[in-house]
PDB file of N, CA and C in Angstrom:
ATOM      1  N   UNK A   1    -283.855 -47.954 230.287  1.00  0.00           N
ATOM      2  CA  UNK A   1    -282.793 -47.519 229.415  1.00  0.00           C
ATOM      3  C   UNK A   1    -281.472 -48.003 229.970  1.00  0.00           C
ATOM      4  N   UNK A   2    -280.627 -48.472 229.131  1.00  0.00           N
ATOM      5  CA  UNK A   2    -279.366 -49.072 229.542  1.00  0.00           C
ATOM      6  C   UNK A   2    -278.270 -48.013 229.657  1.00  0.00           C
ATOM      7  N   UNK A   3    -277.548 -48.097 230.764  1.00  0.00           N
ATOM      8  CA  UNK A   3    -276.451 -47.184 231.058  1.00  0.00           C
ATOM      9  C   UNK A   3    -275.281 -48.037 231.515  1.00  0.00           C
ATOM     10  N   UNK A   4    -274.074 -47.618 231.195  1.00  0.00           N
ATOM     11  CA  UNK A   4    -272.892 -48.370 231.596  1.00  0.00           C
ATOM     12  C   UNK A   4    -272.204 -47.636 232.750  1.00  0.00           C
ATOM     13  N   UNK A   5    -271.953 -48.370 233.832  1.00  0.00           N
ATOM     14  CA  UNK A   5    -271.157 -47.850 234.942  1.00  0.00           C
ATOM     15  C   UNK A   5    -269.768 -48.463 234.799  1.00  0.00           C
ATOM     16  N   UNK A   6    -268.790 -47.615 234.569  1.00  0.00           N
ATOM     17  CA  UNK A   6    -267.408 -48.057 234.431  1.00  0.00           C
ATOM     18  C   UNK A   6    -266.841 -48.223 235.845  1.00  0.00           C
ATOM     19  N   UNK A   7    -266.277 -49.376 236.116  1.00  0.00           N
ATOM     20  CA  UNK A   7    -265.754 -49.666 237.446  1.00  0.00           C
ATOM     21  C   UNK A   7    -264.242 -49.441 237.450  1.00  0.00           C
ATOM     22  N   UNK A   8    -263.818 -48.433 238.191  1.00  0.00           N
ATOM     23  CA  UNK A   8    -262.383 -48.143 238.310  1.00  0.00           C
ATOM     24  C   UNK A   8    -261.688 -49.340 238.955  1.00  0.00           C
ATOM     25  N   UNK A   9    -260.430 -49.517 238.621  1.00  0.00           N
ATOM     26  CA  UNK A   9    -259.670 -50.644 239.151  1.00  0.00           C
ATOM     27  C   UNK A   9    -259.715 -50.672 240.675  1.00  0.00           C
ATOM     28  N   UNK A  10    -259.745 -49.516 241.293  1.00  0.00           N
ATOM     29  CA  UNK A  10    -259.818 -49.393 242.750  1.00  0.00           C
ATOM     30  C   UNK A  10    -261.023 -50.134 243.329  1.00  0.00           C
ATOM     31  N   UNK A  11    -262.115 -50.216 242.577  1.00  0.00           N
ATOM     32  CA  UNK A  11    -263.365 -50.802 243.071  1.00  0.00           C
ATOM     33  C   UNK A  11    -263.651 -52.193 242.504  1.00  0.00           C
ATOM     34  N   UNK A  12    -262.797 -52.695 241.628  1.00  0.00           N
ATOM     35  CA  UNK A  12    -263.086 -53.954 240.943  1.00  0.00           C
ATOM     36  C   UNK A  12    -263.088 -55.168 241.865  1.00  0.00           C
ATOM     37  N   UNK A  13    -262.498 -55.056 243.032  1.00  0.00           N
ATOM     38  CA  UNK A  13    -262.558 -56.179 243.977  1.00  0.00           C
ATOM     39  C   UNK A  13    -264.003 -56.448 244.392  1.00  0.00           C
ATOM     40  N   UNK A  14    -264.844 -55.418 244.365  1.00  0.00           N
ATOM     41  CA  UNK A  14    -266.253 -55.563 244.745  1.00  0.00           C
ATOM     42  C   UNK A  14    -267.103 -56.163 243.630  1.00  0.00           C
ATOM     43  N   UNK A  15    -266.569 -56.193 242.402  1.00  0.00           N
ATOM     44  CA  UNK A  15    -267.329 -56.710 241.264  1.00  0.00           C
ATOM     45  C   UNK A  15    -266.715 -57.985 240.695  1.00  0.00           C
ATOM     46  N   UNK A  16    -265.802 -58.572 241.422  1.00  0.00           N
ATOM     47  CA  UNK A  16    -265.152 -59.779 240.920  1.00  0.00           C
ATOM     48  C   UNK A  16    -264.271 -59.514 239.723  1.00  0.00           C
ATOM     49  N   UNK A  17    -263.766 -58.283 239.616  1.00  0.00           N
ATOM     50  CA  UNK A  17    -262.866 -57.937 238.526  1.00  0.00           C
ATOM     51  C   UNK A  17    -263.538 -57.331 237.305  1.00  0.00           C
ATOM     52  N   UNK A  18    -264.858 -57.193 237.326  1.00  0.00           N
ATOM     53  CA  UNK A  18    -265.547 -56.585 236.172  1.00  0.00           C
ATOM     54  C   UNK A  18    -265.144 -55.122 236.006  1.00  0.00           C
ATOM     55  N   UNK A  19    -264.972 -54.717 234.766  1.00  0.00           N
ATOM     56  CA  UNK A  19    -264.594 -53.341 234.467  1.00  0.00           C
ATOM     57  C   UNK A  19    -265.788 -52.452 234.164  1.00  0.00           C
ATOM     58  N   UNK A  20    -266.954 -53.053 233.931  1.00  0.00           N
ATOM     59  CA  UNK A  20    -268.165 -52.282 233.645  1.00  0.00           C
ATOM     60  C   UNK A  20    -269.389 -53.095 234.015  1.00  0.00           C
ATOM     61  N   UNK A  21    -270.460 -52.372 234.363  1.00  0.00           N
ATOM     62  CA  UNK A  21    -271.720 -52.991 234.746  1.00  0.00           C
ATOM     63  C   UNK A  21    -272.840 -52.267 234.003  1.00  0.00           C
ATOM     64  N   UNK A  22    -273.715 -53.010 233.353  1.00  0.00           N
ATOM     65  CA  UNK A  22    -274.883 -52.421 232.696  1.00  0.00           C
ATOM     66  C   UNK A  22    -276.004 -52.286 233.719  1.00  0.00           C
ATOM     67  N   UNK A  23    -276.607 -51.100 233.781  1.00  0.00           N
ATOM     68  CA  UNK A  23    -277.689 -50.844 234.725  1.00  0.00           C
ATOM     69  C   UNK A  23    -278.818 -50.105 234.025  1.00  0.00           C
ATOM     70  N   UNK A  24    -279.934 -50.009 234.714  1.00  0.00           N
ATOM     71  CA  UNK A  24    -281.083 -49.247 234.236  1.00  0.00           C
ATOM     72  C   UNK A  24    -281.335 -48.130 235.237  1.00  0.00           C
ATOM     73  N   UNK A  25    -281.691 -46.942 234.756  1.00  0.00           N
ATOM     74  CA  UNK A  25    -282.024 -45.851 235.655  1.00  0.00           C
ATOM     75  C   UNK A  25    -282.168 -44.549 234.908  1.00  0.00           C
ATOM     76  N   UNK A  26    -282.901 -43.631 235.517  1.00  0.00           N
ATOM     77  CA  UNK A  26    -283.135 -42.321 234.908  1.00  0.00           C
ATOM     78  C   UNK A  26    -282.317 -41.222 235.574  1.00  0.00           C
ATOM     79  N   UNK A  27    -281.766 -41.517 236.774  1.00  0.00           N
ATOM     80  CA  UNK A  27    -280.945 -40.539 237.467  1.00  0.00           C
ATOM     81  C   UNK A  27    -279.617 -41.185 237.854  1.00  0.00           C
ATOM     82  N   UNK A  28    -278.652 -40.342 238.187  1.00  0.00           N
ATOM     83  CA  UNK A  28    -277.354 -40.839 238.619  1.00  0.00           C
ATOM     84  C   UNK A  28    -277.523 -41.744 239.836  1.00  0.00           C
ATOM     85  N   UNK A  29    -278.340 -41.325 240.790  1.00  0.00           N
ATOM     86  CA  UNK A  29    -278.553 -42.119 241.994  1.00  0.00           C
ATOM     87  C   UNK A  29    -279.149 -43.484 241.698  1.00  0.00           C
ATOM     88  N   UNK A  30    -280.146 -43.528 240.827  1.00  0.00           N
ATOM     89  CA  UNK A  30    -280.772 -44.802 240.473  1.00  0.00           C
ATOM     90  C   UNK A  30    -279.754 -45.741 239.826  1.00  0.00           C
ATOM     91  N   UNK A  31    -278.920 -45.199 238.961  1.00  0.00           N
ATOM     92  CA  UNK A  31    -277.931 -46.027 238.261  1.00  0.00           C
ATOM     93  C   UNK A  31    -276.882 -46.572 239.221  1.00  0.00           C
ATOM     94  N   UNK A  32    -276.370 -45.709 240.103  1.00  0.00           N
ATOM     95  CA  UNK A  32    -275.369 -46.167 241.060  1.00  0.00           C
ATOM     96  C   UNK A  32    -275.973 -47.178 242.035  1.00  0.00           C
ATOM     97  N   UNK A  33    -277.196 -46.948 242.447  1.00  0.00           N
ATOM     98  CA  UNK A  33    -277.844 -47.874 243.386  1.00  0.00           C
ATOM     99  C   UNK A  33    -278.154 -49.209 242.720  1.00  0.00           C
ATOM    100  N   UNK A  34    -278.433 -49.203 241.435  1.00  0.00           N
ATOM    101  CA  UNK A  34    -278.646 -50.447 240.691  1.00  0.00           C
ATOM    102  C   UNK A  34    -277.338 -51.249 240.625  1.00  0.00           C
ATOM    103  N   UNK A  35    -276.217 -50.540 240.424  1.00  0.00           N
ATOM    104  CA  UNK A  35    -274.911 -51.214 240.423  1.00  0.00           C
ATOM    105  C   UNK A  35    -274.636 -51.812 241.806  1.00  0.00           C
ATOM    106  N   UNK A  36    -274.989 -51.077 242.860  1.00  0.00           N
ATOM    107  CA  UNK A  36    -274.808 -51.566 244.236  1.00  0.00           C
ATOM    108  C   UNK A  36    -275.697 -52.773 244.503  1.00  0.00           C
ATOM    109  N   UNK A  37    -276.899 -52.753 243.934  1.00  0.00           N
ATOM    110  CA  UNK A  37    -277.810 -53.893 244.113  1.00  0.00           C
ATOM    111  C   UNK A  37    -277.186 -55.155 243.507  1.00  0.00           C
ATOM    112  N   UNK A  38    -276.537 -55.009 242.358  1.00  0.00           N
ATOM    113  CA  UNK A  38    -275.895 -56.150 241.703  1.00  0.00           C
ATOM    114  C   UNK A  38    -274.601 -56.554 242.415  1.00  0.00           C
ATOM    115  N   UNK A  39    -273.895 -55.576 242.958  1.00  0.00           N
ATOM    116  CA  UNK A  39    -272.605 -55.808 243.622  1.00  0.00           C
ATOM    117  C   UNK A  39    -272.583 -55.032 244.939  1.00  0.00           C
ATOM    118  N   UNK A  40    -273.143 -55.614 246.010  1.00  0.00           N
ATOM    119  CA  UNK A  40    -273.299 -54.924 247.294  1.00  0.00           C
ATOM    120  C   UNK A  40    -272.004 -54.370 247.889  1.00  0.00           C
ATOM    121  N   UNK A  41    -270.874 -54.916 247.535  1.00  0.00           N
ATOM    122  CA  UNK A  41    -269.603 -54.411 248.057  1.00  0.00           C
ATOM    123  C   UNK A  41    -269.313 -52.974 247.652  1.00  0.00           C
ATOM    124  N   UNK A  42    -269.971 -52.501 246.603  1.00  0.00           N
ATOM    125  CA  UNK A  42    -269.778 -51.119 246.159  1.00  0.00           C
ATOM    126  C   UNK A  42    -270.415 -50.113 247.124  1.00  0.00           C
ATOM    127  N   UNK A  43    -271.392 -50.555 247.906  1.00  0.00           N
ATOM    128  CA  UNK A  43    -272.116 -49.659 248.820  1.00  0.00           C
ATOM    129  C   UNK A  43    -271.158 -48.882 249.722  1.00  0.00           C
ATOM    130  N   UNK A  44    -270.310 -49.574 250.441  1.00  0.00           N
ATOM    131  CA  UNK A  44    -269.421 -48.899 251.394  1.00  0.00           C
ATOM    132  C   UNK A  44    -268.279 -48.165 250.697  1.00  0.00           C
ATOM    133  N   UNK A  45    -268.026 -48.490 249.459  1.00  0.00           N
ATOM    134  CA  UNK A  45    -266.976 -47.801 248.706  1.00  0.00           C
ATOM    135  C   UNK A  45    -267.460 -46.475 248.139  1.00  0.00           C
ATOM    136  N   UNK A  46    -268.732 -46.399 247.756  1.00  0.00           N
ATOM    137  CA  UNK A  46    -269.258 -45.209 247.090  1.00  0.00           C
ATOM    138  C   UNK A  46    -270.133 -44.324 247.971  1.00  0.00           C
ATOM    139  N   UNK A  47    -270.777 -44.903 248.982  1.00  0.00           N
ATOM    140  CA  UNK A  47    -271.767 -44.151 249.749  1.00  0.00           C
ATOM    141  C   UNK A  47    -271.419 -44.052 251.221  1.00  0.00           C
ATOM    142  N   UNK A  48    -271.886 -42.964 251.848  1.00  0.00           N
ATOM    143  CA  UNK A  48    -271.782 -42.809 253.296  1.00  0.00           C
ATOM    144  C   UNK A  48    -272.939 -43.563 253.936  1.00  0.00           C
ATOM    145  N   UNK A  49    -272.913 -43.682 255.239  1.00  0.00           N
ATOM    146  CA  UNK A  49    -273.965 -44.425 255.934  1.00  0.00           C
ATOM    147  C   UNK A  49    -275.340 -43.780 255.779  1.00  0.00           C
ATOM    148  N   UNK A  50    -275.397 -42.473 255.500  1.00  0.00           N
ATOM    149  CA  UNK A  50    -276.693 -41.796 255.310  1.00  0.00           C
ATOM    150  C   UNK A  50    -277.160 -41.851 253.859  1.00  0.00           C
ATOM    151  N   UNK A  51    -276.518 -42.700 253.064  1.00  0.00           N
ATOM    152  CA  UNK A  51    -276.882 -42.973 251.667  1.00  0.00           C
ATOM    153  C   UNK A  51    -276.545 -41.838 250.702  1.00  0.00           C
ATOM    154  N   UNK A  52    -275.784 -40.870 251.158  1.00  0.00           N
ATOM    155  CA  UNK A  52    -275.282 -39.836 250.253  1.00  0.00           C
ATOM    156  C   UNK A  52    -273.961 -40.312 249.661  1.00  0.00           C
ATOM    157  N   UNK A  53    -273.617 -39.782 248.506  1.00  0.00           N
ATOM    158  CA  UNK A  53    -272.351 -40.132 247.869  1.00  0.00           C
ATOM    159  C   UNK A  53    -271.207 -39.701 248.788  1.00  0.00           C
ATOM    160  N   UNK A  54    -270.242 -40.560 248.970  1.00  0.00           N
ATOM    161  CA  UNK A  54    -269.101 -40.256 249.837  1.00  0.00           C
ATOM    162  C   UNK A  54    -268.333 -39.052 249.272  1.00  0.00           C
ATOM    163  N   UNK A  55    -267.795 -38.201 250.126  1.00  0.00           N
ATOM    164  CA  UNK A  55    -267.113 -36.986 249.652  1.00  0.00           C
ATOM    165  C   UNK A  55    -265.830 -37.251 248.880  1.00  0.00           C
ATOM    166  N   UNK A  56    -265.285 -38.442 248.972  1.00  0.00           N
ATOM    167  CA  UNK A  56    -264.049 -38.778 248.264  1.00  0.00           C
ATOM    168  C   UNK A  56    -264.329 -39.460 246.919  1.00  0.00           C
ATOM    169  N   UNK A  57    -265.594 -39.458 246.487  1.00  0.00           N
ATOM    170  CA  UNK A  57    -265.976 -40.039 245.196  1.00  0.00           C
ATOM    171  C   UNK A  57    -266.360 -38.918 244.234  1.00  0.00           C
ATOM    172  N   UNK A  58    -265.752 -38.932 243.075  1.00  0.00           N
ATOM    173  CA  UNK A  58    -266.088 -38.009 241.990  1.00  0.00           C
ATOM    174  C   UNK A  58    -266.696 -38.851 240.884  1.00  0.00           C
ATOM    175  N   UNK A  59    -267.768 -38.371 240.280  1.00  0.00           N
ATOM    176  CA  UNK A  59    -268.418 -39.129 239.219  1.00  0.00           C
ATOM    177  C   UNK A  59    -268.333 -38.352 237.911  1.00  0.00           C
ATOM    178  N   UNK A  60    -267.725 -38.986 236.914  1.00  0.00           N
ATOM    179  CA  UNK A  60    -267.704 -38.426 235.568  1.00  0.00           C
ATOM    180  C   UNK A  60    -268.860 -39.041 234.785  1.00  0.00           C
ATOM    181  N   UNK A  61    -269.498 -38.243 233.971  1.00  0.00           N
ATOM    182  CA  UNK A  61    -270.568 -38.732 233.113  1.00  0.00           C
ATOM    183  C   UNK A  61    -270.165 -38.438 231.677  1.00  0.00           C
ATOM    184  N   UNK A  62    -270.007 -39.505 230.907  1.00  0.00           N
ATOM    185  CA  UNK A  62    -269.508 -39.396 229.533  1.00  0.00           C
ATOM    186  C   UNK A  62    -268.170 -38.659 229.481  1.00  0.00           C
ATOM    187  N   UNK A  63    -267.322 -38.923 230.482  1.00  0.00           N
ATOM    188  CA  UNK A  63    -266.001 -38.327 230.527  1.00  0.00           C
ATOM    189  C   UNK A  63    -265.960 -36.905 231.037  1.00  0.00           C
ATOM    190  N   UNK A  64    -267.113 -36.357 231.411  1.00  0.00           N
ATOM    191  CA  UNK A  64    -267.201 -34.973 231.854  1.00  0.00           C
ATOM    192  C   UNK A  64    -267.337 -34.885 233.363  1.00  0.00           C
ATOM    193  N   UNK A  65    -266.559 -34.002 233.958  1.00  0.00           N
ATOM    194  CA  UNK A  65    -266.705 -33.722 235.378  1.00  0.00           C
ATOM    195  C   UNK A  65    -267.815 -32.693 235.519  1.00  0.00           C
ATOM    196  N   UNK A  66    -268.917 -33.112 236.077  1.00  0.00           N
ATOM    197  CA  UNK A  66    -270.048 -32.199 236.213  1.00  0.00           C
ATOM    198  C   UNK A  66    -269.889 -31.265 237.390  1.00  0.00           C
ATOM    199  N   UNK A  67    -268.932 -31.539 238.276  1.00  0.00           N
ATOM    200  CA  UNK A  67    -268.704 -30.778 239.506  1.00  0.00           C
ATOM    201  C   UNK A  67    -269.924 -30.785 240.414  1.00  0.00           C
ATOM    202  N   UNK A  68    -270.949 -31.468 240.034  1.00  0.00           N
ATOM    203  CA  UNK A  68    -272.152 -31.583 240.856  1.00  0.00           C
ATOM    204  C   UNK A  68    -272.536 -33.047 240.910  1.00  0.00           C
ATOM    205  N   UNK A  69    -272.042 -33.726 241.893  1.00  0.00           N
ATOM    206  CA  UNK A  69    -272.352 -35.143 242.021  1.00  0.00           C
ATOM    207  C   UNK A  69    -273.711 -35.325 242.673  1.00  0.00           C
ATOM    208  N   UNK A  70    -274.707 -34.675 242.111  1.00  0.00           N
ATOM    209  CA  UNK A  70    -276.056 -34.787 242.636  1.00  0.00           C
ATOM    210  C   UNK A  70    -276.677 -36.079 242.140  1.00  0.00           C
ATOM    211  N   UNK A  71    -277.170 -36.855 243.063  1.00  0.00           N
ATOM    212  CA  UNK A  71    -277.765 -38.134 242.697  1.00  0.00           C
ATOM    213  C   UNK A  71    -279.037 -37.951 241.876  1.00  0.00           C
ATOM    214  N   UNK A  72    -279.615 -36.759 241.900  1.00  0.00           N
ATOM    215  CA  UNK A  72    -280.835 -36.500 241.130  1.00  0.00           C
ATOM    216  C   UNK A  72    -280.552 -36.102 239.680  1.00  0.00           C
ATOM    217  N   UNK A  73    -279.283 -36.007 239.289  1.00  0.00           N
ATOM    218  CA  UNK A  73    -278.939 -35.610 237.920  1.00  0.00           C
ATOM    219  C   UNK A  73    -279.499 -36.614 236.926  1.00  0.00           C
ATOM    220  N   UNK A  74    -280.127 -36.111 235.888  1.00  0.00           N
ATOM    221  CA  UNK A  74    -280.736 -36.957 234.857  1.00  0.00           C
ATOM    222  C   UNK A  74    -279.657 -37.676 234.048  1.00  0.00           C
ATOM    223  N   UNK A  75    -279.950 -38.927 233.724  1.00  0.00           N
ATOM    224  CA  UNK A  75    -279.056 -39.763 232.926  1.00  0.00           C
ATOM    225  C   UNK A  75    -279.822 -40.214 231.681  1.00  0.00           C
ATOM    226  N   UNK A  76    -279.136 -40.271 230.558  1.00  0.00           N
ATOM    227  CA  UNK A  76    -279.751 -40.676 229.296  1.00  0.00           C
ATOM    228  C   UNK A  76    -279.271 -42.064 228.884  1.00  0.00           C
ATOM    229  N   UNK A  77    -280.077 -42.751 228.101  1.00  0.00           N
ATOM    230  CA  UNK A  77    -279.691 -44.061 227.571  1.00  0.00           C
ATOM    231  C   UNK A  77    -278.357 -43.928 226.854  1.00  0.00           C
ATOM    232  N   UNK A  78    -277.470 -44.886 227.094  1.00  0.00           N
ATOM    233  CA  UNK A  78    -276.171 -44.894 226.446  1.00  0.00           C
ATOM    234  C   UNK A  78    -275.092 -44.115 227.182  1.00  0.00           C
ATOM    235  N   UNK A  79    -275.473 -43.382 228.238  1.00  0.00           N
ATOM    236  CA  UNK A  79    -274.478 -42.648 229.003  1.00  0.00           C
ATOM    237  C   UNK A  79    -273.506 -43.611 229.680  1.00  0.00           C
ATOM    238  N   UNK A  80    -272.308 -43.123 229.949  1.00  0.00           N
ATOM    239  CA  UNK A  80    -271.325 -43.868 230.717  1.00  0.00           C
ATOM    240  C   UNK A  80    -271.033 -43.098 232.001  1.00  0.00           C
ATOM    241  N   UNK A  81    -271.166 -43.794 233.106  1.00  0.00           N
ATOM    242  CA  UNK A  81    -270.948 -43.217 234.427  1.00  0.00           C
ATOM    243  C   UNK A  81    -269.650 -43.798 234.969  1.00  0.00           C
ATOM    244  N   UNK A  82    -268.770 -42.929 235.463  1.00  0.00           N
ATOM    245  CA  UNK A  82    -267.471 -43.383 235.931  1.00  0.00           C
ATOM    246  C   UNK A  82    -267.197 -42.831 237.337  1.00  0.00           C
ATOM    247  N   UNK A  83    -267.581 -43.590 238.371  1.00  0.00           N
ATOM    248  CA  UNK A  83    -267.248 -43.180 239.737  1.00  0.00           C
ATOM    249  C   UNK A  83    -265.759 -43.420 239.980  1.00  0.00           C
ATOM    250  N   UNK A  84    -265.095 -42.416 240.532  1.00  0.00           N
ATOM    251  CA  UNK A  84    -263.672 -42.576 240.781  1.00  0.00           C
ATOM    252  C   UNK A  84    -263.300 -41.999 242.138  1.00  0.00           C
ATOM    253  N   UNK A  85    -262.215 -42.491 242.666  1.00  0.00           N
ATOM    254  CA  UNK A  85    -261.706 -42.098 243.959  1.00  0.00           C
ATOM    255  C   UNK A  85    -260.888 -40.813 243.813  1.00  0.00           C
ATOM    256  N   UNK A  86    -261.203 -39.816 244.639  1.00  0.00           N
ATOM    257  CA  UNK A  86    -260.425 -38.584 244.656  1.00  0.00           C
ATOM    258  C   UNK A  86    -259.250 -38.813 245.600  1.00  0.00           C
ATOM    259  N   UNK A  87    -258.070 -38.593 245.107  1.00  0.00           N
ATOM    260  CA  UNK A  87    -256.862 -38.749 245.919  1.00  0.00           C
ATOM    261  C   UNK A  87    -256.446 -37.372 246.409  1.00  0.00           C
ATOM    262  N   UNK A  88    -256.261 -37.234 247.677  1.00  0.00           N
ATOM    263  CA  UNK A  88    -255.851 -35.962 248.246  1.00  0.00           C
ATOM    264  C   UNK A  88    -254.599 -36.130 249.072  1.00  0.00           C
ATOM    265  N   UNK A  89    -254.047 -35.049 249.424  1.00  0.00           N
ATOM    266  CA  UNK A  89    -252.861 -35.108 250.258  1.00  0.00           C
ATOM    267  C   UNK A  89    -252.345 -33.717 250.518  1.00  0.00           C
ATOM    268  N   UNK A  90    -251.325 -33.670 251.248  1.00  0.00           N
ATOM    269  CA  UNK A  90    -250.814 -32.337 251.528  1.00  0.00           C
ATOM    270  C   UNK A  90    -249.485 -32.351 252.173  1.00  0.00           C
TER     271      UNK A  90
END
């Protein structure tokens, strides 16, 4: 099933400027890992060394903040996944 991963401008250097990548997968983790397989530079931007999603990455699915960036979350055909950088400060 085809899913679109929207690439934030912050990460487009890893995709040669592409704004979106079509991937196949049934879970959030499978979809993100498929995008990484196509564009390996995304690995260090999105994931920690233990292969968990980095704590500074928030993922919206169809524009919704699920507040649970669980890689096991089910994804449906036609969904749009939008990994984005959380900006913090104080």
